[in-house]
Amino acid sequence: MAMAQWFLLFCIFFISASAAKVQTKVTDNPADQLVVALNSNRTANKLSSLYSNPGLACLALQYIKAYQGDCKVVGGPDGKKPAESEFAETFAPNCAVQASSLAQITGRFLACQSKYAEPSEAFNNILIRNSKSLDILYSKNHTEVGAAVSGSDGGGPYFWCVLFSNGKPKSSFSTGGGEPKVSRPGCFSGSNDQCNGANTLSQTIHLWTITVGASVALLYALGV
């Protein structure tokens, strides 16, 4: 009898641990999905996939925030971009990224529009616009990538930013063992951040219900 009780208790802990592990992976982060679309396109063209660097991705979100929601200065004849010095002076500190670990930015995509687009649509129809975009995408100089997606105060206009680098994966754009700072609005790739709260909340509740239900059933079998 004692052996059966120990076995059932083990099952409880196993189910709880499994649910917790799944919960950390059940995220709905459009920035992650943007990196998946980008790497899928590269590998389909017989190029290596790029390491998703969360520190670099956090810088991409800071790059977006530098525009302060102004779509008019993204691209075109009136286009502007943040000074390169801002990476070390502003973006890195805001992300808890060590300035000494910054590496060269070898390419970037930036786009903005009033309506939100799904990651695959944003990649295919908004970020990739011409042959120059393809040259950046297929460059062999890149080793890692970071993507960010953000609205302005939770609404439009919506910005998409992808930064490429030739840094050394897992050592460049380092936070010294910690996690890059998460800031709202917006989300960035590689952060395990649950960017779409409504969907992930329902999934988390569903997982928790399964865990509790299974645990209650096993405790009942133990006579607790």
Protein backbone atom coordinates (compact mmCIF):
# COMPACT_ATOMS: atom_id res chain seq x y z
CA MET A 1 0.00 0.00 0.00
CA ALA A 2 2.83 2.36 0.96
CA MET A 3 4.48 1.74 -2.43
CA ALA A 4 1.25 2.67 -4.24
CA GLN A 5 0.99 5.91 -2.25
CA TRP A 6 4.56 6.89 -3.08
CA PHE A 7 3.90 6.14 -6.74
CA LEU A 8 0.79 8.33 -6.79
CA LEU A 9 2.61 11.18 -5.03
CA PHE A 10 5.38 10.93 -7.62
CA CYS A 11 2.74 11.24 -10.36
CA ILE A 12 1.38 14.40 -8.75
CA PHE A 13 4.79 16.08 -8.74
CA PHE A 14 5.54 14.88 -12.27
CA ILE A 15 2.29 16.29 -13.65
CA SER A 16 2.80 19.61 -11.84
CA ALA A 17 6.38 19.93 -13.08
CA SER A 18 5.36 19.05 -16.63
CA ALA A 19 2.58 21.63 -16.63
CA ALA A 20 4.96 24.27 -15.29
CA LYS A 21 7.48 23.42 -18.00
CA VAL A 22 4.84 23.66 -20.73
CA GLN A 23 3.54 26.92 -19.28
CA THR A 24 6.91 28.60 -19.77
CA LYS A 25 6.84 27.61 -23.43
CA VAL A 26 3.21 28.54 -24.14
CA THR A 27 3.71 32.13 -25.20
CA ASP A 28 2.19 34.14 -27.99
CA ASN A 29 5.04 36.49 -28.82
CA PRO A 30 4.82 37.99 -32.33
CA ALA A 31 8.50 38.99 -32.16
CA ASP A 32 9.48 35.33 -31.71
CA GLN A 33 7.19 34.41 -34.59
CA LEU A 34 8.85 37.06 -36.73
CA VAL A 35 12.26 35.46 -36.08
CA VAL A 36 10.82 32.04 -36.96
CA ALA A 37 9.52 33.38 -40.29
CA LEU A 38 12.86 35.04 -41.01
CA ASN A 39 14.93 31.94 -40.21
CA SER A 40 12.57 29.69 -42.15
CA ASN A 41 13.08 31.89 -45.18
CA ARG A 42 16.86 31.80 -44.78
CA THR A 43 17.05 28.03 -44.40
CA ALA A 44 14.71 27.57 -47.37
CA ASN A 45 17.35 29.44 -49.36
CA LYS A 46 20.13 27.19 -47.99
CA LEU A 47 21.46 29.76 -45.54
CA SER A 48 22.08 29.17 -41.85
CA SER A 49 19.47 30.16 -39.30
CA LEU A 50 20.46 32.99 -36.99
CA TYR A 51 20.74 32.83 -33.22
CA SER A 52 17.87 34.65 -31.52
CA ASN A 53 19.66 36.97 -29.11
CA PRO A 54 17.32 38.46 -26.46
CA GLY A 55 19.76 41.27 -25.62
CA LEU A 56 19.89 42.35 -29.25
CA ALA A 57 16.11 42.04 -29.46
CA CYS A 58 15.66 44.29 -26.44
CA LEU A 59 17.80 46.89 -28.24
CA ALA A 60 15.43 46.53 -31.22
CA LEU A 61 12.52 47.47 -28.97
CA GLN A 62 14.45 50.46 -27.63
CA TYR A 63 15.19 51.41 -31.25
CA ILE A 64 11.43 51.49 -31.86
CA LYS A 65 10.79 53.57 -28.75
CA ALA A 66 13.26 56.18 -29.99
CA TYR A 67 10.70 57.09 -32.67
CA GLN A 68 8.11 57.98 -30.00
CA GLY A 69 5.27 56.66 -32.13
CA ASP A 70 6.03 58.90 -35.12
CA CYS A 71 5.42 56.79 -38.24
CA LYS A 72 6.13 59.69 -40.60
CA VAL A 73 9.88 59.60 -39.98
CA VAL A 74 10.25 55.89 -40.70
CA GLY A 75 11.75 55.49 -44.18
CA GLY A 76 11.11 57.68 -47.18
CA PRO A 77 12.67 61.07 -47.98
CA ASP A 78 11.95 62.37 -44.48
CA GLY A 79 13.20 59.22 -42.80
CA LYS A 80 15.29 59.49 -39.66
CA LYS A 81 17.05 56.99 -37.45
CA PRO A 82 18.57 57.10 -33.97
CA ALA A 83 22.24 58.01 -33.68
CA GLU A 84 24.57 55.03 -33.46
CA SER A 85 25.83 56.37 -30.12
CA GLU A 86 22.41 55.71 -28.60
CA PHE A 87 23.05 51.97 -28.65
CA ALA A 88 25.72 52.29 -25.98
CA GLU A 89 24.47 55.41 -24.22
CA THR A 90 20.72 54.75 -24.02
CA PHE A 91 19.50 51.44 -25.46
CA ALA A 92 21.96 49.14 -23.67
CA PRO A 93 21.42 50.64 -20.17
CA ASN A 94 17.65 50.51 -20.66
CA CYS A 95 17.96 46.79 -21.41
CA ALA A 96 20.58 45.96 -18.75
CA VAL A 97 22.87 44.96 -21.61
CA GLN A 98 26.56 45.42 -20.92
CA ALA A 99 27.96 48.10 -23.21
CA SER A 100 31.26 46.21 -23.45
CA SER A 101 29.42 43.28 -25.05
CA LEU A 102 27.87 45.28 -27.89
CA ALA A 103 28.73 43.99 -31.38
CA GLN A 104 28.41 45.45 -34.86
CA ILE A 105 24.91 45.91 -36.28
CA THR A 106 25.16 44.37 -39.75
CA GLY A 107 21.65 45.14 -40.96
CA ARG A 108 18.26 46.34 -39.84
CA PHE A 109 14.62 46.31 -40.89
CA LEU A 110 12.17 48.90 -39.62
CA ALA A 111 8.58 49.44 -40.66
CA CYS A 112 5.50 51.17 -39.34
CA GLN A 113 1.83 51.32 -40.29
CA SER A 114 -1.48 52.17 -38.68
CA LYS A 115 -2.93 48.63 -38.68
CA TYR A 116 -1.54 45.58 -36.96
CA ALA A 117 -0.33 42.70 -39.12
CA GLU A 118 0.37 39.11 -38.17
CA PRO A 119 4.09 38.25 -38.01
CA SER A 120 4.16 36.29 -41.29
CA GLU A 121 2.35 39.10 -43.10
CA ALA A 122 4.59 41.73 -41.55
CA PHE A 123 7.66 39.80 -42.67
CA ASN A 124 6.52 39.07 -46.23
CA ASN A 125 4.63 42.25 -47.09
CA ILE A 126 5.94 45.02 -44.85
CA LEU A 127 9.58 44.37 -43.97
CA ILE A 128 10.63 42.67 -47.22
CA ARG A 129 9.87 45.32 -49.83
CA ASN A 130 12.57 45.16 -52.49
CA SER A 131 15.87 43.62 -53.57
CA LYS A 132 17.76 45.64 -50.97
CA SER A 133 15.65 44.01 -48.26
CA LEU A 134 16.51 40.59 -49.66
CA ASP A 135 20.21 41.48 -49.73
CA ILE A 136 20.03 42.31 -46.03
CA LEU A 137 18.03 39.17 -45.22
CA TYR A 138 20.37 36.83 -47.09
CA SER A 139 23.64 38.41 -46.01
CA LYS A 140 26.22 35.89 -44.82
CA ASN A 141 27.67 38.46 -42.43
CA HIS A 142 24.88 37.93 -39.89
CA THR A 143 25.24 35.47 -37.02
CA GLU A 144 22.38 36.56 -34.78
CA VAL A 145 19.11 38.42 -34.88
CA GLY A 146 16.75 40.24 -32.56
CA ALA A 147 13.20 41.35 -33.36
CA ALA A 148 10.71 43.63 -31.65
CA VAL A 149 7.07 44.58 -32.20
CA SER A 150 5.27 47.47 -30.57
CA GLY A 151 2.27 49.71 -30.76
CA SER A 152 2.06 53.15 -29.20
CA ASP A 153 0.55 52.94 -25.72
CA GLY A 154 -0.96 49.59 -26.67
CA GLY A 155 -2.55 50.76 -29.95
CA GLY A 156 -1.51 51.90 -33.41
CA PRO A 157 0.63 52.86 -35.15
CA TYR A 158 2.50 49.57 -35.05
CA PHE A 159 6.25 49.22 -35.43
CA TRP A 160 8.32 46.21 -36.46
CA CYS A 161 12.08 46.20 -36.03
CA VAL A 162 14.68 43.53 -36.79
CA LEU A 163 18.36 44.01 -35.95
CA PHE A 164 21.11 41.77 -37.33
CA SER A 165 24.59 41.42 -35.91
CA ASN A 166 27.82 39.54 -36.55
CA GLY A 167 28.42 39.13 -32.82
CA LYS A 168 29.31 35.92 -31.06
CA PRO A 169 26.09 34.13 -30.05
CA LYS A 170 25.52 33.83 -26.29
CA SER A 171 28.30 36.28 -25.45
CA SER A 172 27.48 39.46 -27.37
CA PHE A 173 24.71 41.78 -26.12
CA SER A 174 25.13 40.12 -22.74
CA THR A 175 23.21 40.94 -19.59
CA GLY A 176 25.80 39.27 -17.38
CA GLY A 177 23.67 36.25 -16.60
CA GLY A 178 20.43 38.13 -16.00
CA GLU A 179 17.48 38.80 -18.29
CA PRO A 180 17.04 41.87 -20.49
CA LYS A 181 14.62 44.37 -19.00
CA VAL A 182 11.07 44.01 -20.27
CA SER A 183 9.30 47.30 -20.98
CA ARG A 184 5.81 48.10 -22.19
CA PRO A 185 4.30 48.62 -24.64
CA GLY A 186 5.95 46.15 -26.99
CA CYS A 187 7.74 42.84 -26.86
CA PHE A 188 10.99 41.36 -28.13
CA SER A 189 12.18 37.96 -29.25
CA GLY A 190 13.97 35.43 -27.07
CA SER A 191 12.55 36.80 -23.83
CA ASN A 192 9.94 34.11 -23.02
CA ASP A 193 7.67 37.08 -22.51
CA GLN A 194 3.93 36.47 -22.77
CA CYS A 195 3.19 39.33 -25.09
CA ASN A 196 -0.42 38.51 -25.86
CA GLY A 197 -1.93 38.37 -22.39
CA ALA A 198 -5.43 37.23 -23.33
CA ASN A 199 -4.39 34.11 -25.20
CA THR A 200 -1.65 33.00 -22.84
CA LEU A 201 -3.78 33.64 -19.77
CA SER A 202 -6.46 31.28 -21.03
CA GLN A 203 -3.81 28.68 -21.87
CA THR A 204 -2.22 29.03 -18.43
CA ILE A 205 -5.60 28.64 -16.73
CA HIS A 206 -6.31 25.58 -18.85
CA LEU A 207 -2.99 23.98 -17.85
CA TRP A 208 -3.54 24.84 -14.20
CA THR A 209 -7.03 23.30 -14.30
CA ILE A 210 -5.58 20.07 -15.71
CA THR A 211 -2.87 20.00 -13.04
CA VAL A 212 -5.24 20.70 -10.15
CA GLY A 213 -7.82 18.25 -11.47
CA ALA A 214 -5.26 15.46 -11.81
CA SER A 215 -3.79 16.22 -8.39
CA VAL A 216 -7.19 16.21 -6.69
CA ALA A 217 -8.04 12.88 -8.32
CA LEU A 218 -4.79 11.33 -7.12
CA LEU A 219 -5.15 12.74 -3.61
CA TYR A 220 -8.65 11.32 -3.51
CA ALA A 221 -7.22 7.94 -4.47
CA LEU A 222 -4.76 8.28 -1.56
CA GLY A 223 -7.63 8.96 0.79
CA VAL A 224 -6.41 12.47 1.66
